[in-house]
Amino acid sequence: MASLAVTTCGPRPRLHTISTELGRTFNCYTLFRKSSTISVNYNDLENSAADSVYDNAKSFDDIPGPRGLPFLGTLHHYRGPFQKFNIDRFQVALHDRYQKYGPIMKETIAGVTAVRLFDPDYVRIVYQNEGKVPHVAPLLDTTRLYRSQKNMSPGLGNTNGDEWYRLRSAVQQMMMRPKEVTVYLPNVQQVAEKFVNKVGNTLRDKDGHVHSFRRELAKWNLESSGSTCFETSLGCLESEKGSWTEKMITANNDIFALSTKITFSLPFHTLFTTPTWKKLVAAEDFFFLNGQKLVDETSKKIEDLISEGEMDETKYNFLAYLLSRKELSYKDISIITLSLFGDGLNTTVPAIIFALYCLARNPNAQQLAYEEVCRVIPEGETITADMVARLPYLKACVKESSRLYPIGLDIKRIPQKNLVVGGYKVPAGTIVELVPYVMFQSPEHFSEPEQFKPERWLRDGSALNIHPYLLTPFGHGPRMCAGRRFAEQEMYVLLSKLLQRFVIGWEGENLEQKFQMLMVPDKPVTVSFKDRQ
């Protein structure tokens, strides 16, 4: 496939010049690996013992799982006339597999074999043996392939080893430290207030209902992410049907829907351009090209400020920091920025919807969250980082809704050394899917698992007895989601603002989840917002 000819706004910024100048403005640092201080003798003993345990474990081939066809594996369970499971309800298949095969099983789908782990103790084994540079399988292998074909930077989620370490080291300080993320809090609050006002003034019907709420929330997310990445208003909150904003949201949704379809198909798209692959490329092209224009425009503004001697550390914080990192190419900078800009559409947005749904269905919990917000954030005052830190009950509500309605079904790892899990050999290089999802509603791990009980996550709650490797919605360790701090900050601020102004209700049938590589609402969402007295 031919390389994508990226259309930019104006000439490409002089990256070397920008990085040199910004390096004087920003406190940059380089993360170095530290050499091990463990003696050779102890390493030899450990390795020898590990090899012995591995040699005596049961064979990889003995790991239980459904019998499949050569190469196809169990693809026919998900597609075709002998279909057993609906892909939209892939979580049902996972429950079925666990019930039949137990806490460790393996399955081959369209030539890809993965070992699935349903036990938090098994998850712990993988995490504790992954080292400082864990290897992962991409969430969207379609996006990895698309970027490879278009000669783009693969991005953090699609790289491993030294390449991942290079990218991660460059963004570690700015994206992973809470203090650095709070720099963007004023912008986040400003957009949240605009959205809350829009809900109260224009989005509600006469009965207080906001229909198509997921799409309206997606507009908020793009506007909020845009204020962080580009420090400008994109006009997303005022956009109408058929607008640029609507098309960006549709393109993002298409990417995930089509990727799901391709994942559960034979990989013909790697040999020739299939109709589904053509549609996916069109969606990727639209989202990337339009996002790239924003990166180019903002980079040009930074370059102009530098040439005029007016650039300082208060302007264009996010992109200016990336441009100051000499180890990042402009392609790297573009993908890192666009990932933060767009990833919330399929993560932050559904997470907020599920949290609002749980609060609407549990008015006592909603009242407690409202009272906490009012105590911590006096009405009309600017939200500070200290205030956000003092919202334990609201955060517990979000955590509990993440248990009942997780956004991700699994976390994929590729161990770089041989492991023994559940008594079975798991060779280095095997795709391992960590699937705590089926444990979230198990009485073995949670008391009254079907109930929404935020209290379980408070310091004096039952969370003290909950396995630490059971609920990790942003992943764990060095490969934890780089955008975690940004997403959490946006969620807490918007939920606080909505609770302060409205009593939140739910209209319609029970909300369930649909699988589109991640978990999203299975139906159009209507939320009721009644003014508080």
Protein backbone atom coordinates (compact mmCIF):
# COMPACT_ATOMS: atom_id res chain seq x y z
CA MET A 1 0.00 0.00 0.00
CA ALA A 2 1.33 3.43 -0.86
CA SER A 3 2.52 5.69 1.92
CA LEU A 4 0.08 8.29 3.18
CA ALA A 5 0.82 11.76 1.95
CA VAL A 6 0.10 13.86 5.03
CA THR A 7 -1.35 17.26 4.28
CA THR A 8 -0.10 19.80 6.80
CA CYS A 9 -1.01 23.36 7.51
CA GLY A 10 2.02 25.34 6.51
CA PRO A 11 5.62 24.11 6.41
CA ARG A 12 6.77 21.35 8.72
CA PRO A 13 8.21 22.84 11.93
CA ARG A 14 11.98 22.89 12.26
CA LEU A 15 12.02 20.22 14.95
CA HIS A 16 15.74 20.45 15.79
CA THR A 17 15.54 24.21 16.32
CA ILE A 18 12.37 23.92 18.39
CA SER A 19 13.75 21.14 20.58
CA THR A 20 16.99 23.05 21.20
CA GLU A 21 15.16 26.21 22.24
CA LEU A 22 12.51 24.46 24.30
CA GLY A 23 15.16 22.35 26.00
CA ARG A 24 16.35 25.58 27.66
CA THR A 25 12.81 26.34 28.82
CA PHE A 26 11.73 22.93 30.09
CA ASN A 27 13.36 20.92 32.82
CA CYS A 28 14.06 17.88 30.72
CA TYR A 29 15.52 14.72 32.05
CA THR A 30 16.56 11.34 30.76
CA LEU A 31 15.59 8.11 32.46
CA PHE A 32 18.49 5.69 32.66
CA ARG A 33 18.30 2.03 33.42
CA LYS A 34 20.16 1.00 36.51
CA SER A 35 22.41 -2.00 36.41
CA SER A 36 21.55 -4.93 38.63
CA THR A 37 23.45 -5.35 41.91
CA ILE A 38 22.48 -9.02 42.33
CA SER A 39 25.55 -11.23 42.42
CA VAL A 40 26.21 -13.67 39.63
CA ASN A 41 26.10 -16.62 42.01
CA TYR A 42 22.56 -15.80 43.17
CA ASN A 43 21.40 -15.32 39.60
CA ASP A 44 22.82 -18.67 38.63
CA LEU A 45 21.05 -20.33 41.54
CA GLU A 46 17.74 -18.63 40.74
CA ASN A 47 17.94 -19.50 37.07
CA SER A 48 18.83 -23.09 37.83
CA ALA A 49 15.88 -23.47 40.21
CA ALA A 50 13.51 -21.82 37.73
CA ASP A 51 14.71 -24.09 34.92
CA SER A 52 14.14 -27.12 37.11
CA VAL A 53 10.58 -26.07 37.98
CA TYR A 54 9.85 -25.35 34.33
CA ASP A 55 11.24 -28.68 33.13
CA ASN A 56 9.04 -30.56 35.57
CA ALA A 57 5.82 -28.66 34.77
CA LYS A 58 3.02 -30.01 32.62
CA SER A 59 3.29 -29.43 28.88
CA PHE A 60 1.97 -26.30 27.15
CA ASP A 61 -0.07 -28.63 24.94
CA ASP A 62 -1.84 -29.95 28.04
CA ILE A 63 -3.32 -26.57 28.95
CA PRO A 64 -7.09 -27.11 28.66
CA GLY A 65 -9.15 -25.34 26.03
CA PRO A 66 -11.67 -25.86 23.23
CA ARG A 67 -10.65 -28.06 20.33
CA GLY A 68 -10.42 -26.20 17.07
CA LEU A 69 -9.67 -26.66 13.41
CA PRO A 70 -6.18 -26.38 11.90
CA PHE A 71 -5.15 -22.69 11.80
CA LEU A 72 -8.80 -21.55 12.08
CA GLY A 73 -8.91 -22.69 15.67
CA THR A 74 -12.30 -21.83 17.15
CA LEU A 75 -13.09 -19.03 14.71
CA HIS A 76 -16.25 -20.91 13.71
CA HIS A 77 -17.53 -20.44 17.28
CA TYR A 78 -17.72 -16.70 16.61
CA ARG A 79 -18.45 -16.43 12.86
CA GLY A 80 -20.39 -18.46 10.30
CA PRO A 81 -23.21 -21.02 10.34
CA PHE A 82 -21.84 -22.86 13.41
CA GLN A 83 -21.51 -19.69 15.45
CA LYS A 84 -21.83 -20.33 19.19
CA PHE A 85 -21.17 -16.86 20.55
CA ASN A 86 -22.13 -13.34 19.48
CA ILE A 87 -18.99 -11.21 19.11
CA ASP A 88 -20.89 -8.26 20.58
CA ARG A 89 -21.14 -10.33 23.77
CA PHE A 90 -17.59 -11.66 23.83
CA GLN A 91 -17.72 -11.41 27.62
CA VAL A 92 -20.27 -14.26 27.58
CA ALA A 93 -17.74 -16.43 25.74
CA LEU A 94 -15.12 -15.65 28.38
CA HIS A 95 -17.49 -16.68 31.17
CA ASP A 96 -18.25 -19.88 29.28
CA ARG A 97 -14.58 -20.69 28.78
CA TYR A 98 -13.84 -20.14 32.47
CA GLN A 99 -16.72 -22.33 33.59
CA LYS A 100 -15.61 -25.17 31.30
CA TYR A 101 -11.82 -25.02 31.53
CA GLY A 102 -10.98 -23.29 34.79
CA PRO A 103 -8.55 -20.52 35.73
CA ILE A 104 -6.04 -21.23 32.93
CA MET A 105 -6.95 -22.17 29.38
CA LYS A 106 -5.74 -21.58 25.85
CA GLU A 107 -7.56 -20.86 22.62
CA THR A 108 -6.57 -20.35 18.99
CA ILE A 109 -8.64 -17.92 16.91
CA ALA A 110 -7.70 -17.36 13.26
CA GLY A 111 -4.15 -18.60 13.75
CA VAL A 112 -3.44 -16.63 16.95
CA THR A 113 -2.99 -18.75 20.08
CA ALA A 114 -3.30 -17.13 23.50
CA VAL A 115 -3.29 -18.40 27.06
CA ARG A 116 -6.03 -16.86 29.20
CA LEU A 117 -5.68 -16.44 32.95
CA PHE A 118 -8.75 -15.97 35.15
CA ASP A 119 -7.08 -16.10 38.55
CA PRO A 120 -5.47 -13.05 40.21
CA ASP A 121 -2.67 -15.21 41.63
CA TYR A 122 -1.81 -16.28 38.08
CA VAL A 123 -1.96 -12.64 36.99
CA ARG A 124 0.50 -11.83 39.76
CA ILE A 125 2.97 -14.40 38.39
CA VAL A 126 2.99 -12.71 34.98
CA TYR A 127 3.38 -9.18 36.38
CA GLN A 128 6.12 -10.13 38.82
CA ASN A 129 8.19 -11.77 36.10
CA GLU A 130 7.90 -9.21 33.31
CA GLY A 131 10.92 -7.10 34.24
CA LYS A 132 11.52 -3.40 33.65
CA VAL A 133 10.59 -3.53 29.97
CA PRO A 134 7.42 -5.64 29.66
CA HIS A 135 6.27 -6.76 26.23
CA VAL A 136 2.63 -6.42 25.21
CA ALA A 137 0.39 -7.39 22.31
CA PRO A 138 -1.37 -4.35 20.79
CA LEU A 139 -4.98 -3.64 21.70
CA LEU A 140 -5.66 -2.91 18.02
CA ASP A 141 -3.33 -4.89 15.79
CA THR A 142 -5.16 -3.25 12.89
CA THR A 143 -3.89 0.16 13.96
CA ARG A 144 -0.36 -1.22 14.34
CA LEU A 145 -0.53 -2.57 10.77
CA TYR A 146 -2.07 0.65 9.43
CA ARG A 147 0.69 2.79 10.94
CA SER A 148 3.35 0.42 9.62
CA GLN A 149 1.94 0.60 6.10
CA LYS A 150 1.74 4.40 6.27
CA ASN A 151 5.30 4.75 7.63
CA MET A 152 4.09 6.35 10.85
CA SER A 153 5.47 6.05 14.35
CA PRO A 154 3.81 2.99 15.91
CA GLY A 155 3.20 4.72 19.25
CA LEU A 156 3.62 3.49 22.82
CA GLY A 157 1.00 0.74 22.69
CA ASN A 158 2.43 -0.88 19.56
CA THR A 159 6.10 -1.08 20.49
CA ASN A 160 8.23 -3.26 22.75
CA GLY A 161 11.79 -3.45 23.97
CA ASP A 162 14.22 -0.59 23.40
CA GLU A 163 11.84 1.30 21.07
CA TRP A 164 9.11 1.36 23.73
CA TYR A 165 11.63 2.33 26.39
CA ARG A 166 12.80 5.27 24.27
CA LEU A 167 9.26 6.61 23.85
CA ARG A 168 8.23 5.95 27.43
CA SER A 169 11.31 7.62 28.89
CA ALA A 170 10.61 10.73 26.85
CA VAL A 171 7.06 11.17 28.16
CA GLN A 172 7.44 9.71 31.66
CA GLN A 173 7.86 12.98 33.53
CA MET A 174 5.11 14.88 31.78
CA MET A 175 2.39 12.22 31.45
CA MET A 176 2.82 9.95 34.47
CA ARG A 177 3.48 12.31 37.39
CA PRO A 178 0.32 13.65 39.08
CA LYS A 179 1.89 17.07 39.73
CA GLU A 180 2.67 17.55 36.04
CA VAL A 181 -0.86 16.60 34.95
CA THR A 182 -2.48 19.14 37.27
CA VAL A 183 -1.04 21.91 35.09
CA TYR A 184 -3.94 21.20 32.72
CA LEU A 185 -6.60 21.30 35.45
CA PRO A 186 -7.83 24.87 34.68
CA ASN A 187 -8.47 23.96 31.03
CA VAL A 188 -10.24 20.74 32.04
CA GLN A 189 -12.46 22.61 34.49
CA GLN A 190 -13.34 25.31 31.97
CA VAL A 191 -14.52 22.77 29.39
CA ALA A 192 -16.41 20.79 32.06
CA GLU A 193 -18.29 23.91 33.13
CA LYS A 194 -19.23 24.68 29.52
CA PHE A 195 -20.55 21.17 29.07
CA VAL A 196 -22.56 21.25 32.30
CA ASN A 197 -24.09 24.57 31.23
CA LYS A 198 -24.94 23.09 27.85
CA VAL A 199 -26.66 20.15 29.55
CA GLY A 200 -28.69 22.51 31.69
CA ASN A 201 -29.51 25.09 29.02
CA THR A 202 -29.84 23.38 25.65
CA LEU A 203 -29.40 19.60 25.69
CA ARG A 204 -32.23 18.70 28.07
CA ASP A 205 -35.77 18.31 26.85
CA LYS A 206 -38.72 19.60 28.94
CA ASP A 207 -38.56 16.47 31.12
CA GLY A 208 -34.85 16.86 31.81
CA HIS A 209 -33.74 14.06 29.50
CA VAL A 210 -30.60 14.22 27.39
CA HIS A 211 -30.88 11.81 24.49
CA SER A 212 -27.87 10.49 22.53
CA PHE A 213 -25.83 11.30 25.62
CA ARG A 214 -22.84 9.21 24.55
CA ARG A 215 -22.35 11.34 21.46
CA GLU A 216 -22.71 14.57 23.43
CA LEU A 217 -20.19 13.30 25.97
CA ALA A 218 -17.83 12.40 23.12
CA LYS A 219 -17.97 16.04 22.00
CA TRP A 220 -17.03 17.11 25.52
CA ASN A 221 -14.13 14.64 25.50
CA LEU A 222 -12.69 15.92 22.22
CA GLU A 223 -13.02 19.51 23.39
CA SER A 224 -11.41 18.72 26.76
CA SER A 225 -8.57 16.68 25.21
CA GLY A 226 -8.06 19.41 22.62
CA SER A 227 -7.68 22.01 25.37
CA THR A 228 -4.93 19.88 26.89
CA CYS A 229 -3.08 18.88 23.71
CA PHE A 230 -3.48 22.09 21.70
CA GLU A 231 -4.58 24.72 24.25
CA THR A 232 -7.34 25.98 21.99
CA SER A 233 -11.09 25.66 21.71
CA LEU A 234 -12.02 23.33 18.87
CA GLY A 235 -15.71 24.28 19.01
CA CYS A 236 -16.75 20.67 19.62
CA LEU A 237 -19.45 21.57 22.15
CA GLU A 238 -21.20 23.81 19.63
CA SER A 239 -20.93 21.36 16.72
CA GLU A 240 -24.02 20.15 14.88
CA LYS A 241 -24.87 16.99 12.97
CA GLY A 242 -22.52 16.47 10.02
CA SER A 243 -19.81 18.67 11.52
CA TRP A 244 -16.09 17.92 11.70
CA THR A 245 -16.53 16.87 15.32
CA GLU A 246 -19.32 14.42 14.48
CA LYS A 247 -17.24 12.92 11.67
CA MET A 248 -14.23 12.49 13.97
CA ILE A 249 -16.40 10.68 16.53
CA THR A 250 -17.88 8.44 13.83
CA ALA A 251 -14.44 7.65 12.40
CA ASN A 252 -13.14 6.66 15.83
CA ASN A 253 -16.13 4.41 16.45
CA ASP A 254 -15.70 2.82 13.01
CA ILE A 255 -12.05 2.05 13.76
CA PHE A 256 -13.01 -0.01 16.81
CA ALA A 257 -16.07 -1.66 15.25
CA LEU A 258 -14.19 -2.68 12.09
CA SER A 259 -11.14 -3.81 14.09
CA THR A 260 -13.39 -6.14 16.07
CA LYS A 261 -14.75 -7.63 12.87
CA ILE A 262 -11.25 -8.10 11.42
CA THR A 263 -9.93 -9.67 14.64
CA PHE A 264 -12.56 -12.38 14.37
CA SER A 265 -11.87 -13.08 10.69
CA LEU A 266 -9.22 -14.83 8.65
CA PRO A 267 -6.35 -12.37 8.11
CA PHE A 268 -6.92 -11.89 4.37
CA HIS A 269 -6.40 -8.14 4.91
CA THR A 270 -2.67 -8.83 5.34
CA LEU A 271 -2.54 -10.31 1.81
CA PHE A 272 -4.78 -7.94 -0.14
CA THR A 273 -7.14 -5.02 0.42
CA THR A 274 -10.43 -6.48 1.64
CA PRO A 275 -13.60 -4.32 1.70
CA THR A 276 -13.51 -4.21 5.51
CA TRP A 277 -9.84 -3.21 5.55
CA LYS A 278 -10.54 -0.48 2.98
CA LYS A 279 -13.27 0.98 5.23
CA LEU A 280 -10.98 0.84 8.25
CA VAL A 281 -8.15 2.61 6.40
CA ALA A 282 -10.59 5.34 5.35
CA ALA A 283 -11.63 5.85 8.99
CA GLU A 284 -8.00 5.86 10.19
CA ASP A 285 -7.03 8.29 7.41
CA PHE A 286 -9.80 10.71 8.33
CA PHE A 287 -9.03 10.73 12.04
CA PHE A 288 -5.27 10.90 11.58
CA LEU A 289 -5.19 13.56 8.86
CA ASN A 290 -7.57 15.87 10.70
CA GLY A 291 -5.72 15.34 13.96
CA GLN A 292 -2.37 15.89 12.25
CA LYS A 293 -3.52 19.31 11.07
CA LEU A 294 -4.04 20.30 14.71
CA VAL A 295 -0.55 19.08 15.62
CA ASP A 296 0.99 20.97 12.69
CA GLU A 297 -0.90 24.19 13.45
CA THR A 298 0.06 24.16 17.12
CA SER A 299 3.70 23.31 16.36
CA LYS A 300 3.82 26.26 13.94
CA LYS A 301 2.46 28.58 16.64
CA ILE A 302 5.19 27.39 19.00
CA GLU A 303 7.85 27.92 16.32
CA ASP A 304 6.58 31.45 15.69
CA LEU A 305 6.61 32.29 19.41
CA ILE A 306 10.20 31.03 19.66
CA SER A 307 11.32 33.09 16.65
CA GLU A 308 9.66 36.17 18.16
CA GLY A 309 11.24 35.56 21.58
CA GLU A 310 7.85 35.26 23.25
CA MET A 311 7.80 31.55 24.13
CA ASP A 312 7.74 30.59 27.82
CA GLU A 313 6.84 27.54 29.92
CA THR A 314 3.20 28.62 30.39
CA LYS A 315 2.31 28.25 26.70
CA TYR A 316 1.34 25.07 24.83
CA ASN A 317 2.67 22.98 27.71
CA PHE A 318 1.95 19.50 26.36
CA LEU A 319 3.15 19.81 22.78
CA ALA A 320 6.00 22.15 23.68
CA TYR A 321 7.35 19.57 26.10
CA LEU A 322 7.27 16.84 23.45
CA LEU A 323 8.96 19.11 20.93
CA SER A 324 11.70 19.79 23.47
CA ARG A 325 12.64 16.10 23.61
CA LYS A 326 15.45 15.55 21.12
CA GLU A 327 14.99 11.78 21.23
CA LEU A 328 11.48 12.09 19.74
CA SER A 329 10.92 12.45 16.01
CA TYR A 330 8.07 14.58 14.69
CA LYS A 331 6.27 11.33 13.79
CA ASP A 332 6.60 10.18 17.41
CA ILE A 333 5.29 13.51 18.69
CA SER A 334 2.29 13.39 16.36
CA ILE A 335 1.19 9.88 17.36
CA ILE A 336 1.70 10.47 21.10
CA THR A 337 -0.36 13.65 20.91
CA LEU A 338 -3.13 12.15 18.78
CA SER A 339 -3.34 9.12 21.08
CA LEU A 340 -4.03 11.35 24.08
CA PHE A 341 -6.42 13.41 21.97
CA GLY A 342 -8.54 10.52 20.70
CA ASP A 343 -8.18 7.58 23.09
CA GLY A 344 -10.71 8.93 25.57
CA LEU A 345 -13.55 8.47 23.09
CA ASN A 346 -13.55 4.72 23.74
CA THR A 347 -12.25 4.76 27.32
CA THR A 348 -13.07 7.90 29.32
CA VAL A 349 -16.48 8.42 27.67
CA PRO A 350 -17.94 4.96 28.37
CA ALA A 351 -16.34 4.94 31.85
CA ILE A 352 -18.21 8.14 32.75
CA ILE A 353 -21.46 6.77 31.31
CA PHE A 354 -21.22 3.60 33.39
CA ALA A 355 -20.37 5.64 36.50
CA LEU A 356 -23.40 7.90 35.94
CA TYR A 357 -25.58 4.84 35.36
CA CYS A 358 -24.48 3.31 38.66
CA LEU A 359 -25.04 6.58 40.53
CA ALA A 360 -28.48 7.01 38.94
CA ARG A 361 -29.48 3.48 39.93
CA ASN A 362 -28.12 3.91 43.46
CA PRO A 363 -29.48 7.24 44.76
CA ASN A 364 -28.05 6.78 48.27
CA ALA A 365 -24.56 6.49 46.84
CA GLN A 366 -25.24 9.48 44.58
CA GLN A 367 -26.30 11.54 47.60
CA LEU A 368 -23.13 10.64 49.51
CA ALA A 369 -20.98 11.53 46.50
CA TYR A 370 -22.84 14.83 46.12
CA GLU A 371 -22.36 15.72 49.78
CA GLU A 372 -18.64 14.94 49.58
CA VAL A 373 -18.21 17.10 46.49
CA CYS A 374 -20.04 19.99 48.18
CA ARG A 375 -17.82 19.72 51.29
CA VAL A 376 -14.59 19.64 49.31
CA ILE A 377 -15.42 21.98 46.41
CA PRO A 378 -17.41 25.05 47.53
CA GLU A 379 -19.80 26.14 44.79
CA GLY A 380 -18.27 28.69 42.46
CA GLU A 381 -14.68 28.04 43.53
CA THR A 382 -11.96 26.89 41.18
CA ILE A 383 -11.13 23.20 41.56
CA THR A 384 -7.58 22.61 42.75
CA ALA A 385 -5.43 19.50 42.70
CA ASP A 386 -5.78 19.30 46.49
CA MET A 387 -9.57 19.25 46.16
CA VAL A 388 -9.45 16.42 43.60
CA ALA A 389 -7.21 14.48 45.98
CA ARG A 390 -9.84 14.79 48.75
CA LEU A 391 -12.68 12.98 46.97
CA PRO A 392 -12.28 9.39 48.21
CA TYR A 393 -15.95 8.46 47.97
CA LEU A 394 -16.36 9.78 44.42
CA LYS A 395 -13.23 7.87 43.40
CA ALA A 396 -14.60 4.76 45.09
CA CYS A 397 -17.79 5.15 43.02
CA VAL A 398 -15.73 5.25 39.83
CA LYS A 399 -13.70 2.24 40.93
CA GLU A 400 -16.84 0.27 41.77
CA SER A 401 -18.48 1.11 38.46
CA SER A 402 -15.25 -0.06 36.78
CA ARG A 403 -15.66 -3.39 38.57
CA LEU A 404 -19.27 -3.85 37.47
CA TYR A 405 -18.72 -2.35 34.00
CA PRO A 406 -15.04 -2.68 33.07
CA ILE A 407 -13.86 -0.95 29.90
CA GLY A 408 -11.27 -3.59 29.05
CA LEU A 409 -11.92 -7.32 29.14
CA ASP A 410 -8.27 -8.28 29.24
CA ILE A 411 -4.69 -7.05 29.39
CA LYS A 412 -2.26 -8.75 27.00
CA ARG A 413 1.32 -9.55 27.88
CA ILE A 414 4.09 -11.45 26.07
CA PRO A 415 6.44 -12.88 28.73
CA GLN A 416 10.10 -12.79 27.75
CA LYS A 417 11.05 -15.79 29.84
CA ASN A 418 9.57 -19.21 30.45
CA LEU A 419 6.89 -19.26 33.15
CA VAL A 420 5.05 -21.94 35.08
CA VAL A 421 1.43 -20.92 35.63
CA GLY A 422 -1.11 -23.22 37.22
CA GLY A 423 1.39 -26.06 36.92
CA TYR A 424 1.72 -25.65 33.13
CA LYS A 425 4.60 -24.47 30.97
CA VAL A 426 4.01 -21.08 29.34
CA PRO A 427 6.97 -20.57 26.98
CA ALA A 428 8.56 -17.19 26.45
CA GLY A 429 6.91 -15.34 23.56
CA THR A 430 3.41 -16.69 24.26
CA ILE A 431 0.54 -14.20 24.18
CA VAL A 432 -0.99 -14.23 27.64
CA GLU A 433 -4.38 -12.58 28.23
CA LEU A 434 -4.99 -11.52 31.82
CA VAL A 435 -8.77 -11.69 32.26
CA PRO A 436 -9.88 -10.68 35.76
CA TYR A 437 -13.25 -9.67 34.25
CA VAL A 438 -14.98 -12.92 35.17
CA MET A 439 -13.80 -12.55 38.78
CA PHE A 440 -15.43 -9.16 39.26
CA GLN A 441 -18.83 -10.68 39.99
CA SER A 442 -17.55 -13.73 41.86
CA PRO A 443 -18.40 -14.13 45.58
CA GLU A 444 -15.00 -15.77 45.93
CA HIS A 445 -13.41 -12.35 45.51
CA PHE A 446 -16.14 -9.83 46.40
CA SER A 447 -18.86 -9.83 49.02
CA GLU A 448 -22.29 -9.25 47.42
CA PRO A 449 -20.60 -8.93 44.01
CA GLU A 450 -23.82 -8.01 42.20
CA GLN A 451 -24.28 -4.92 44.39
CA PHE A 452 -22.88 -1.44 43.75
CA LYS A 453 -20.97 -0.83 46.97
CA PRO A 454 -18.38 1.98 46.69
CA GLU A 455 -17.68 1.59 50.41
CA ARG A 456 -15.73 -1.58 49.70
CA TRP A 457 -12.93 0.56 48.22
CA LEU A 458 -12.57 2.94 51.17
CA ARG A 459 -9.78 2.53 53.70
CA ASP A 460 -12.02 0.82 56.24
CA GLY A 461 -13.91 -1.20 53.62
CA SER A 462 -13.60 -4.77 52.38
CA ALA A 463 -11.06 -3.66 49.77
CA LEU A 464 -8.45 -4.45 52.40
CA ASN A 465 -9.12 -8.10 51.60
CA ILE A 466 -9.41 -7.74 47.82
CA HIS A 467 -6.56 -9.20 45.80
CA PRO A 468 -4.26 -6.34 44.69
CA TYR A 469 -3.93 -7.77 41.17
CA LEU A 470 -7.66 -8.12 40.60
CA LEU A 471 -8.83 -4.65 39.58
CA THR A 472 -6.23 -2.84 37.47
CA PRO A 473 -8.26 -0.91 34.86
CA PHE A 474 -5.23 1.04 33.62
CA GLY A 475 -2.87 -1.91 33.64
CA HIS A 476 0.04 -2.41 36.02
CA GLY A 477 3.69 -1.57 36.32
CA PRO A 478 5.82 0.09 33.63
CA ARG A 479 3.21 -0.58 30.90
CA MET A 480 0.43 1.16 32.80
CA CYS A 481 -1.66 3.39 30.52
CA ALA A 482 0.33 6.57 29.86
CA GLY A 483 -2.87 8.64 29.75
CA ARG A 484 -4.19 7.41 33.09
CA ARG A 485 -3.64 10.63 35.05
CA PHE A 486 -5.28 12.73 32.34
CA ALA A 487 -8.31 10.43 32.12
CA GLU A 488 -8.84 10.31 35.89
CA GLN A 489 -8.54 14.07 36.22
CA GLU A 490 -11.14 14.63 33.49
CA MET A 491 -13.54 12.10 35.01
CA TYR A 492 -13.38 13.44 38.57
CA VAL A 493 -13.79 17.06 37.49
CA LEU A 494 -16.75 16.43 35.18
CA LEU A 495 -18.53 14.10 37.62
CA SER A 496 -18.06 16.66 40.41
CA LYS A 497 -19.57 19.43 38.30
CA LEU A 498 -22.52 17.29 37.19
CA LEU A 499 -23.28 16.13 40.74
CA GLN A 500 -23.15 19.64 42.13
CA ARG A 501 -25.77 20.90 39.70
CA PHE A 502 -28.01 17.93 38.91
CA VAL A 503 -29.77 14.96 40.40
CA ILE A 504 -28.87 12.26 37.90
CA GLY A 505 -31.46 9.73 36.77
CA TRP A 506 -31.62 6.93 34.25
CA GLU A 507 -34.28 6.53 31.57
CA GLY A 508 -35.03 3.32 29.71
CA GLU A 509 -33.90 -0.28 29.96
CA ASN A 510 -31.00 -1.64 31.96
CA LEU A 511 -27.65 -0.69 30.48
CA GLU A 512 -25.41 -3.53 29.36
CA GLN A 513 -22.09 -3.72 27.57
CA LYS A 514 -21.11 -4.38 23.98
CA PHE A 515 -17.68 -5.62 22.90
CA GLN A 516 -15.83 -3.42 20.39
CA MET A 517 -12.27 -4.40 21.36
CA LEU A 518 -13.16 -2.41 24.47
CA MET A 519 -16.51 -2.40 26.28
CA VAL A 520 -19.05 0.29 25.36
CA PRO A 521 -22.76 0.83 26.07
CA ASP A 522 -24.93 -1.64 24.16
CA LYS A 523 -27.68 0.86 23.32
CA PRO A 524 -28.33 4.59 22.89
CA VAL A 525 -27.97 6.34 26.23
CA THR A 526 -30.55 8.70 27.72
CA VAL A 527 -29.71 10.34 31.04
CA SER A 528 -32.01 12.49 33.19
CA PHE A 529 -30.61 15.70 34.71
CA LYS A 530 -32.90 17.41 37.23
CA ASP A 531 -31.80 20.68 38.82
CA ARG A 532 -30.92 20.37 42.50
CA GLN A 533 -33.12 22.41 44.81
